[in-house]
Amino acid sequence: MTTRRADAQRNREKILEAARAAFAEGDPSMAEIARRAEVGMATLYRNFPGRRELLEALYIDEVDAMVQAAETHDLAAWAHRFVTFAHNKHPIAHELLRDTPGDPLFNASRTRVLAAGRPLLEAAQRAGEVRPDLTLEQILDMVIAIARIDGDAAYVEPILETALAGLRPQ
């Protein structure tokens, strides 16, 4: 992996930040992303030769954040973070899948997220905080379903809390 100059790295981060915000609001053009990032089109395309490369970088950043969060959170806190992850990745994943159904990027990312979360589930199950008959896949499917509920965080949060309480053994 090559190292980037500090200014080049800052530009890349500005582009990703602008793109993340723009995709959360709709379906932006590359020109709109460059404008929001306050970089020229040449800088945008030097970092991301096409829209797909930009979308993949955004998706991988979200996956990296989930994997990293598993190092500092317990299962419940990680599940809360996963709601944000699921919400943020939805428009990006939808566009990536539109062009390439069954994209290998998703399989590799799912494998990474599951590997990061398994120790959290195992620890919670050993501590008696989560039923032993549940898998991480089942828990994440539940969290993904909750993340798809329309509403702001104040609306969705109590639903997630209720669902997480249901993971406890009776």
C-alpha atoms as a PDB file:
ATOM      1  CA  MET A   1       0.000   0.000   0.000  1.00  0.00           C
ATOM      2  CA  THR A   2       1.352   3.396  -0.905  1.00  0.00           C
ATOM      3  CA  THR A   3       1.349   6.256   1.539  1.00  0.00           C
ATOM      4  CA  ARG A   4      -0.326   9.471   0.536  1.00  0.00           C
ATOM      5  CA  ARG A   5       0.872  12.990   0.996  1.00  0.00           C
ATOM      6  CA  ALA A   6      -0.902  14.697   3.867  1.00  0.00           C
ATOM      7  CA  ASP A   7      -2.803  17.077   1.581  1.00  0.00           C
ATOM      8  CA  ALA A   8      -3.827  14.230  -0.716  1.00  0.00           C
ATOM      9  CA  GLN A   9      -5.093  12.252   2.278  1.00  0.00           C
ATOM     10  CA  ARG A  10      -7.041  15.307   3.518  1.00  0.00           C
ATOM     11  CA  ASN A  11      -8.623  15.697   0.080  1.00  0.00           C
ATOM     12  CA  ARG A  12      -9.606  12.032   0.025  1.00  0.00           C
ATOM     13  CA  GLU A  13     -11.194  12.348   3.468  1.00  0.00           C
ATOM     14  CA  LYS A  14     -13.026  15.541   2.432  1.00  0.00           C
ATOM     15  CA  ILE A  15     -14.396  13.752  -0.619  1.00  0.00           C
ATOM     16  CA  LEU A  16     -15.564  10.772   1.431  1.00  0.00           C
ATOM     17  CA  GLU A  17     -17.181  13.013   4.039  1.00  0.00           C
ATOM     18  CA  ALA A  18     -18.974  15.063   1.385  1.00  0.00           C
ATOM     19  CA  ALA A  19     -20.064  11.940  -0.479  1.00  0.00           C
ATOM     20  CA  ARG A  20     -21.353  10.303   2.702  1.00  0.00           C
ATOM     21  CA  ALA A  21     -23.520  13.344   3.448  1.00  0.00           C
ATOM     22  CA  ALA A  22     -24.658  13.701  -0.162  1.00  0.00           C
ATOM     23  CA  PHE A  23     -25.694  10.054  -0.507  1.00  0.00           C
ATOM     24  CA  ALA A  24     -27.602  10.271   2.786  1.00  0.00           C
ATOM     25  CA  GLU A  25     -29.687  13.024   1.189  1.00  0.00           C
ATOM     26  CA  GLY A  26     -30.223  11.521  -2.246  1.00  0.00           C
ATOM     27  CA  ASP A  27     -28.485  10.550  -5.466  1.00  0.00           C
ATOM     28  CA  PRO A  28     -25.716  13.121  -6.020  1.00  0.00           C
ATOM     29  CA  SER A  29     -23.652  13.593  -9.144  1.00  0.00           C
ATOM     30  CA  MET A  30     -19.892  13.398  -8.995  1.00  0.00           C
ATOM     31  CA  ALA A  31     -19.815  17.153  -9.692  1.00  0.00           C
ATOM     32  CA  GLU A  32     -22.024  17.763  -6.645  1.00  0.00           C
ATOM     33  CA  ILE A  33     -19.714  15.678  -4.472  1.00  0.00           C
ATOM     34  CA  ALA A  34     -16.652  17.596  -5.721  1.00  0.00           C
ATOM     35  CA  ARG A  35     -18.424  20.902  -5.041  1.00  0.00           C
ATOM     36  CA  ARG A  36     -19.372  19.854  -1.507  1.00  0.00           C
ATOM     37  CA  ALA A  37     -15.843  18.610  -0.836  1.00  0.00           C
ATOM     38  CA  GLU A  38     -14.428  21.848  -2.221  1.00  0.00           C
ATOM     39  CA  VAL A  39     -12.105  20.008  -4.589  1.00  0.00           C
ATOM     40  CA  GLY A  40     -11.794  20.051  -8.352  1.00  0.00           C
ATOM     41  CA  MET A  41     -13.109  17.296 -10.573  1.00  0.00           C
ATOM     42  CA  ALA A  42      -9.541  16.206 -11.352  1.00  0.00           C
ATOM     43  CA  THR A  43      -8.876  15.706  -7.628  1.00  0.00           C
ATOM     44  CA  LEU A  44     -12.101  13.730  -7.257  1.00  0.00           C
ATOM     45  CA  TYR A  45     -11.296  11.473 -10.211  1.00  0.00           C
ATOM     46  CA  ARG A  46      -7.655  11.075  -9.156  1.00  0.00           C
ATOM     47  CA  ASN A  47      -8.928   9.612  -5.878  1.00  0.00           C
ATOM     48  CA  PHE A  48     -11.939   7.786  -7.285  1.00  0.00           C
ATOM     49  CA  PRO A  49     -11.810   7.048 -11.028  1.00  0.00           C
ATOM     50  CA  GLY A  50     -15.556   6.457 -11.090  1.00  0.00           C
ATOM     51  CA  ARG A  51     -18.732   6.484  -9.049  1.00  0.00           C
ATOM     52  CA  ARG A  52     -18.423   2.785  -8.254  1.00  0.00           C
ATOM     53  CA  GLU A  53     -14.955   3.236  -6.709  1.00  0.00           C
ATOM     54  CA  LEU A  54     -16.301   6.053  -4.553  1.00  0.00           C
ATOM     55  CA  LEU A  55     -19.279   3.960  -3.427  1.00  0.00           C
ATOM     56  CA  GLU A  56     -17.013   1.017  -2.637  1.00  0.00           C
ATOM     57  CA  ALA A  57     -14.720   3.260  -0.566  1.00  0.00           C
ATOM     58  CA  LEU A  58     -17.714   4.608   1.372  1.00  0.00           C
ATOM     59  CA  TYR A  59     -19.003   1.109   2.000  1.00  0.00           C
ATOM     60  CA  ILE A  60     -15.603  -0.190   3.103  1.00  0.00           C
ATOM     61  CA  ASP A  61     -15.210   2.800   5.464  1.00  0.00           C
ATOM     62  CA  GLU A  62     -18.536   1.905   7.101  1.00  0.00           C
ATOM     63  CA  VAL A  63     -17.477  -1.734   7.451  1.00  0.00           C
ATOM     64  CA  ASP A  64     -14.100  -0.690   8.879  1.00  0.00           C
ATOM     65  CA  ALA A  65     -15.894   1.465  11.463  1.00  0.00           C
ATOM     66  CA  MET A  66     -18.103  -1.472  12.504  1.00  0.00           C
ATOM     67  CA  VAL A  67     -15.129  -3.797  12.832  1.00  0.00           C
ATOM     68  CA  GLN A  68     -13.222  -1.195  14.835  1.00  0.00           C
ATOM     69  CA  ALA A  69     -16.243  -0.516  17.076  1.00  0.00           C
ATOM     70  CA  ALA A  70     -16.283  -4.177  18.094  1.00  0.00           C
ATOM     71  CA  GLU A  71     -12.914  -3.634  19.787  1.00  0.00           C
ATOM     72  CA  THR A  72     -14.279  -1.053  22.226  1.00  0.00           C
ATOM     73  CA  HIS A  73     -17.955  -1.935  22.704  1.00  0.00           C
ATOM     74  CA  ASP A  74     -20.041  -4.631  24.287  1.00  0.00           C
ATOM     75  CA  LEU A  75     -22.721  -6.383  22.236  1.00  0.00           C
ATOM     76  CA  ALA A  76     -25.528  -3.950  23.116  1.00  0.00           C
ATOM     77  CA  ALA A  77     -23.451  -0.855  22.322  1.00  0.00           C
ATOM     78  CA  TRP A  78     -22.221  -2.495  19.134  1.00  0.00           C
ATOM     79  CA  ALA A  79     -25.830  -3.273  18.142  1.00  0.00           C
ATOM     80  CA  HIS A  80     -26.675   0.412  18.603  1.00  0.00           C
ATOM     81  CA  ARG A  81     -23.749   1.292  16.332  1.00  0.00           C
ATOM     82  CA  PHE A  82     -24.945  -1.344  13.870  1.00  0.00           C
ATOM     83  CA  VAL A  83     -28.265   0.497  13.460  1.00  0.00           C
ATOM     84  CA  THR A  84     -26.334   3.541  12.248  1.00  0.00           C
ATOM     85  CA  PHE A  85     -24.192   1.312  10.025  1.00  0.00           C
ATOM     86  CA  ALA A  86     -27.252  -0.349   8.465  1.00  0.00           C
ATOM     87  CA  HIS A  87     -28.931   2.988   7.919  1.00  0.00           C
ATOM     88  CA  ASN A  88     -25.829   4.593   6.346  1.00  0.00           C
ATOM     89  CA  LYS A  89     -24.941   1.699   4.087  1.00  0.00           C
ATOM     90  CA  HIS A  90     -28.433   1.158   2.675  1.00  0.00           C
ATOM     91  CA  PRO A  91     -28.369   3.782  -0.133  1.00  0.00           C
ATOM     92  CA  ILE A  92     -24.763   2.954  -0.966  1.00  0.00           C
ATOM     93  CA  ALA A  93     -25.347  -0.799  -1.028  1.00  0.00           C
ATOM     94  CA  HIS A  94     -28.519  -0.366  -3.069  1.00  0.00           C
ATOM     95  CA  GLU A  95     -26.632   1.471  -5.808  1.00  0.00           C
ATOM     96  CA  LEU A  96     -23.714  -0.981  -5.767  1.00  0.00           C
ATOM     97  CA  LEU A  97     -26.082  -3.949  -6.066  1.00  0.00           C
ATOM     98  CA  ARG A  98     -28.014  -2.309  -8.897  1.00  0.00           C
ATOM     99  CA  ASP A  99     -25.005  -2.810 -11.181  1.00  0.00           C
ATOM    100  CA  THR A 100     -23.601  -6.051  -9.777  1.00  0.00           C
ATOM    101  CA  PRO A 101     -26.083  -8.315  -7.965  1.00  0.00           C
ATOM    102  CA  GLY A 102     -24.307 -10.599  -5.497  1.00  0.00           C
ATOM    103  CA  ASP A 103     -21.231  -8.348  -5.377  1.00  0.00           C
ATOM    104  CA  PRO A 104     -18.307 -10.157  -3.642  1.00  0.00           C
ATOM    105  CA  LEU A 105     -17.601  -6.951  -1.701  1.00  0.00           C
ATOM    106  CA  PHE A 106     -20.691  -7.667   0.406  1.00  0.00           C
ATOM    107  CA  ASN A 107     -19.702 -11.247   1.199  1.00  0.00           C
ATOM    108  CA  ALA A 108     -16.226 -10.191   2.301  1.00  0.00           C
ATOM    109  CA  SER A 109     -17.660  -7.323   4.357  1.00  0.00           C
ATOM    110  CA  ARG A 110     -20.266  -9.539   6.016  1.00  0.00           C
ATOM    111  CA  THR A 111     -17.534 -12.026   6.916  1.00  0.00           C
ATOM    112  CA  ARG A 112     -15.464  -9.227   8.522  1.00  0.00           C
ATOM    113  CA  VAL A 113     -18.402  -7.827  10.503  1.00  0.00           C
ATOM    114  CA  LEU A 114     -19.436 -11.285  11.739  1.00  0.00           C
ATOM    115  CA  ALA A 115     -15.859 -12.114  12.742  1.00  0.00           C
ATOM    116  CA  ALA A 116     -15.637  -8.855  14.700  1.00  0.00           C
ATOM    117  CA  GLY A 117     -18.983  -9.365  16.420  1.00  0.00           C
ATOM    118  CA  ARG A 118     -18.704 -13.043  17.370  1.00  0.00           C
ATOM    119  CA  PRO A 119     -16.449 -12.446  20.397  1.00  0.00           C
ATOM    120  CA  LEU A 120     -18.959  -9.853  21.645  1.00  0.00           C
ATOM    121  CA  LEU A 121     -21.825 -12.345  21.393  1.00  0.00           C
ATOM    122  CA  GLU A 122     -19.772 -15.118  22.999  1.00  0.00           C
ATOM    123  CA  ALA A 123     -18.840 -12.845  25.911  1.00  0.00           C
ATOM    124  CA  ALA A 124     -22.476 -11.755  26.357  1.00  0.00           C
ATOM    125  CA  GLN A 125     -23.648 -15.371  26.284  1.00  0.00           C
ATOM    126  CA  ARG A 126     -20.985 -16.457  28.815  1.00  0.00           C
ATOM    127  CA  ALA A 127     -22.092 -13.599  31.090  1.00  0.00           C
ATOM    128  CA  GLY A 128     -25.708 -14.741  30.813  1.00  0.00           C
ATOM    129  CA  GLU A 129     -26.772 -11.510  29.103  1.00  0.00           C
ATOM    130  CA  VAL A 130     -27.892 -13.143  25.845  1.00  0.00           C
ATOM    131  CA  ARG A 131     -29.784 -16.370  25.273  1.00  0.00           C
ATOM    132  CA  PRO A 132     -27.455 -19.194  24.201  1.00  0.00           C
ATOM    133  CA  ASP A 133     -29.737 -20.289  21.334  1.00  0.00           C
ATOM    134  CA  LEU A 134     -29.256 -17.086  19.331  1.00  0.00           C
ATOM    135  CA  THR A 135     -26.651 -16.618  16.627  1.00  0.00           C
ATOM    136  CA  LEU A 136     -24.993 -13.364  15.679  1.00  0.00           C
ATOM    137  CA  GLU A 137     -26.635 -13.603  12.269  1.00  0.00           C
ATOM    138  CA  GLN A 138     -30.090 -13.710  13.911  1.00  0.00           C
ATOM    139  CA  ILE A 139     -29.306 -10.751  16.140  1.00  0.00           C
ATOM    140  CA  LEU A 140     -27.935  -8.666  13.271  1.00  0.00           C
ATOM    141  CA  ASP A 141     -30.931  -9.540  11.082  1.00  0.00           C
ATOM    142  CA  MET A 142     -33.150  -8.233  13.884  1.00  0.00           C
ATOM    143  CA  VAL A 143     -31.106  -5.044  14.161  1.00  0.00           C
ATOM    144  CA  ILE A 144     -31.182  -4.554  10.368  1.00  0.00           C
ATOM    145  CA  ALA A 145     -34.980  -4.879  10.408  1.00  0.00           C
ATOM    146  CA  ILE A 146     -35.165  -2.236  13.135  1.00  0.00           C
ATOM    147  CA  ALA A 147     -32.799   0.037  11.212  1.00  0.00           C
ATOM    148  CA  ARG A 148     -35.239  -0.018   8.287  1.00  0.00           C
ATOM    149  CA  ILE A 149     -38.030   1.487  10.373  1.00  0.00           C
ATOM    150  CA  ASP A 150     -38.907   4.997   9.265  1.00  0.00           C
ATOM    151  CA  GLY A 151     -38.293   7.545  11.971  1.00  0.00           C
ATOM    152  CA  ASP A 152     -35.567   9.481  13.684  1.00  0.00           C
ATOM    153  CA  ALA A 153     -33.287   8.115  16.403  1.00  0.00           C
ATOM    154  CA  ALA A 154     -35.715   9.148  19.160  1.00  0.00           C
ATOM    155  CA  TYR A 155     -38.387   6.971  17.562  1.00  0.00           C
ATOM    156  CA  VAL A 156     -36.201   3.961  16.713  1.00  0.00           C
ATOM    157  CA  GLU A 157     -34.132   3.869  19.933  1.00  0.00           C
ATOM    158  CA  PRO A 158     -36.878   2.537  22.250  1.00  0.00           C
ATOM    159  CA  ILE A 159     -37.729  -0.138  19.702  1.00  0.00           C
ATOM    160  CA  LEU A 160     -34.107  -1.268  19.619  1.00  0.00           C
ATOM    161  CA  GLU A 161     -33.907  -1.214  23.430  1.00  0.00           C
ATOM    162  CA  THR A 162     -37.015  -3.408  23.664  1.00  0.00           C
ATOM    163  CA  ALA A 163     -35.602  -5.861  21.133  1.00  0.00           C
ATOM    164  CA  LEU A 164     -32.243  -6.030  22.915  1.00  0.00           C
ATOM    165  CA  ALA A 165     -34.014  -6.654  26.229  1.00  0.00           C
ATOM    166  CA  GLY A 166     -35.657  -9.638  24.539  1.00  0.00           C
ATOM    167  CA  LEU A 167     -32.242 -11.223  23.976  1.00  0.00           C
ATOM    168  CA  ARG A 168     -31.833 -11.860  27.701  1.00  0.00           C
ATOM    169  CA  PRO A 169     -32.545 -15.330  29.021  1.00  0.00           C
ATOM    170  CA  GLN A 170     -35.863 -15.699  30.846  1.00  0.00           C
END
